[in-house]
Amino acid sequence: MDDGREGVGGEEARAAAARGAALRGGSARLPRGDGEPHVIPVCPVFDGFDTVYVDIGPKYRTAKQIAENPRATVIIDDYADDWDQLKRVILRCSAPPATDSERAAAWRRIRRKFPQYRAIGWQPRLTLALRIEEVRHEGITG
């Protein structure tokens, strides 16, 4: 549904983000207070404009760090032995928590893309609204 937002970085960047988020999984690089990089697996969903949603555990060190420094880089890739077939999108994002109706909409998308969540009774935890500020991609075209 078009809500009037322009989307991230123009049509090419938005198409790359959408195709990247259509892949099944990736990882998020999150800051730690001590400067050490921290990587967690994520199952991303894209809103079609400028936000990717992921869910993380609210009690972990990651949640504390993201509250102190709400930045994330998400890498979503699809490996192939034929390197001409490699696909990758890198999203640099601000990372506020999704709340209220935005969180509910994010979880409708998450459950639609990943029915496994429903099958195991997974409930929303800390859902991040990763606002895309920069898109880089390879092997993913619009």
Protein backbone atom coordinates (compact mmCIF):
# COMPACT_ATOMS: atom_id res chain seq x y z
CA MET A 1 0.00 0.00 0.00
CA ASP A 2 1.42 3.39 -0.98
CA ASP A 3 1.27 5.78 1.97
CA GLY A 4 2.99 8.66 0.19
CA ARG A 5 6.52 7.90 1.41
CA GLU A 6 9.23 8.17 -1.21
CA GLY A 7 11.11 5.10 -0.16
CA VAL A 8 14.82 4.70 0.30
CA GLY A 9 17.38 6.05 -2.17
CA GLY A 10 15.22 6.06 -5.25
CA GLU A 11 13.62 3.28 -7.24
CA GLU A 12 16.80 1.25 -7.86
CA ALA A 13 17.74 1.17 -4.19
CA ARG A 14 14.19 0.33 -3.14
CA ALA A 15 14.05 -2.52 -5.67
CA ALA A 16 17.38 -3.88 -4.43
CA ALA A 17 16.23 -3.68 -0.80
CA ALA A 18 12.99 -5.46 -1.68
CA ARG A 19 14.76 -8.23 -3.58
CA GLY A 20 17.33 -8.61 -0.83
CA ALA A 21 14.71 -8.77 1.91
CA ALA A 22 12.83 -11.39 -0.14
CA LEU A 23 15.74 -13.74 0.54
CA ARG A 24 15.16 -15.95 3.56
CA GLY A 25 17.77 -14.81 6.04
CA GLY A 26 20.76 -12.72 6.80
CA SER A 27 22.69 -11.21 9.63
CA ALA A 28 22.75 -7.90 11.43
CA ARG A 29 25.95 -6.25 12.57
CA LEU A 30 25.26 -4.30 15.72
CA PRO A 31 27.50 -2.07 17.81
CA ARG A 32 28.83 -3.05 21.21
CA GLY A 33 29.83 -0.50 23.81
CA ASP A 34 33.40 -1.78 23.83
CA GLY A 35 33.75 -1.35 20.06
CA GLU A 36 33.67 -5.08 19.31
CA PRO A 37 31.45 -5.97 16.37
CA HIS A 38 28.49 -8.18 17.16
CA VAL A 39 26.64 -10.29 14.59
CA ILE A 40 23.24 -11.93 14.99
CA PRO A 41 21.16 -13.95 12.52
CA VAL A 42 17.94 -12.28 11.39
CA CYS A 43 14.86 -13.13 9.36
CA PRO A 44 14.07 -9.81 7.65
CA VAL A 45 10.86 -8.49 6.13
CA PHE A 46 10.68 -5.29 4.05
CA ASP A 47 7.79 -2.83 4.10
CA GLY A 48 8.34 -1.84 0.46
CA PHE A 49 9.47 1.69 1.27
CA ASP A 50 12.31 2.26 3.70
CA THR A 51 12.10 -0.17 6.61
CA VAL A 52 13.19 -3.75 7.28
CA TYR A 53 11.79 -5.44 10.38
CA VAL A 54 13.63 -8.01 12.50
CA ASP A 55 12.89 -9.46 15.93
CA ILE A 56 15.56 -9.94 18.61
CA GLY A 57 15.62 -11.08 22.23
CA PRO A 58 14.99 -8.11 24.56
CA LYS A 59 17.09 -9.50 27.43
CA TYR A 60 20.30 -10.01 25.53
CA ARG A 61 23.34 -7.76 25.38
CA THR A 62 22.35 -6.86 21.82
CA ALA A 63 19.11 -5.21 22.98
CA LYS A 64 20.99 -3.10 25.53
CA GLN A 65 23.54 -2.00 22.95
CA ILE A 66 20.93 -1.16 20.32
CA ALA A 67 19.13 1.02 22.89
CA GLU A 68 22.38 2.90 23.55
CA ASN A 69 23.43 3.12 19.89
CA PRO A 70 20.45 2.53 17.59
CA ARG A 71 22.43 1.68 14.43
CA ALA A 72 22.64 -1.57 12.47
CA THR A 73 24.04 -2.91 9.23
CA VAL A 74 22.09 -5.80 7.75
CA ILE A 75 23.62 -8.15 5.22
CA ILE A 76 21.27 -10.40 3.32
CA ASP A 77 22.87 -12.75 0.87
CA ASP A 78 22.26 -15.81 -1.25
CA TYR A 79 25.40 -17.86 -1.78
CA ALA A 80 25.99 -19.88 -4.93
CA ASP A 81 29.01 -21.94 -5.94
CA ASP A 82 28.71 -20.21 -9.31
CA TRP A 83 29.88 -16.77 -8.21
CA ASP A 84 28.11 -15.15 -11.14
CA GLN A 85 24.91 -16.06 -9.29
CA LEU A 86 25.84 -14.49 -5.93
CA LYS A 87 23.28 -12.06 -4.54
CA ARG A 88 23.87 -9.64 -1.70
CA VAL A 89 22.36 -6.48 -0.32
CA ILE A 90 23.87 -4.42 2.49
CA LEU A 91 21.57 -2.05 4.35
CA ARG A 92 22.89 0.60 6.72
CA CYS A 93 20.12 1.60 9.08
CA SER A 94 18.99 3.45 12.13
CA ALA A 95 17.35 0.92 14.46
CA PRO A 96 14.50 2.17 16.64
CA PRO A 97 12.07 -0.33 18.12
CA ALA A 98 8.77 -0.79 16.29
CA THR A 99 5.80 -0.01 18.53
CA ASP A 100 2.02 -0.24 18.49
CA SER A 101 0.40 -0.46 15.04
CA GLU A 102 3.75 -0.49 13.24
CA ARG A 103 4.82 -3.51 15.30
CA ALA A 104 1.52 -5.27 14.61
CA ALA A 105 1.90 -4.66 10.85
CA ALA A 106 5.50 -5.87 10.98
CA TRP A 107 4.40 -9.09 12.64
CA ARG A 108 1.72 -9.70 10.01
CA ARG A 109 4.51 -9.50 7.42
CA ILE A 110 6.86 -11.68 9.48
CA ARG A 111 4.24 -14.42 9.96
CA ARG A 112 3.30 -14.32 6.27
CA LYS A 113 6.93 -14.71 5.15
CA PHE A 114 7.98 -17.12 7.92
CA PRO A 115 5.07 -19.41 8.85
CA GLN A 116 7.55 -21.33 11.02
CA TYR A 117 7.11 -18.62 13.65
CA ARG A 118 3.45 -19.51 14.07
CA ALA A 119 4.14 -23.25 14.03
CA ILE A 120 6.48 -22.97 17.04
CA GLY A 121 4.37 -20.39 18.88
CA TRP A 122 6.98 -17.63 18.54
CA GLN A 123 5.76 -14.40 20.06
CA PRO A 124 7.05 -10.91 19.26
CA ARG A 125 9.96 -9.82 21.41
CA LEU A 126 11.96 -6.68 20.59
CA THR A 127 10.95 -5.87 17.02
CA LEU A 128 13.32 -3.40 15.40
CA ALA A 129 12.26 -1.05 12.62
CA LEU A 130 15.49 -0.81 10.65
CA ARG A 131 15.14 2.48 8.75
CA ILE A 132 17.28 2.13 5.66
CA GLU A 133 19.66 5.02 5.07
CA GLU A 134 22.01 3.42 2.55
CA VAL A 135 21.73 0.44 0.19
CA ARG A 136 24.57 -1.40 -1.52
CA HIS A 137 23.94 -4.44 -3.64
CA GLU A 138 25.49 -6.99 -5.95
CA GLY A 139 23.73 -9.46 -8.20
CA ILE A 140 20.32 -8.03 -7.32
CA THR A 141 18.64 -6.00 -10.01
CA GLY A 142 15.37 -4.12 -10.20
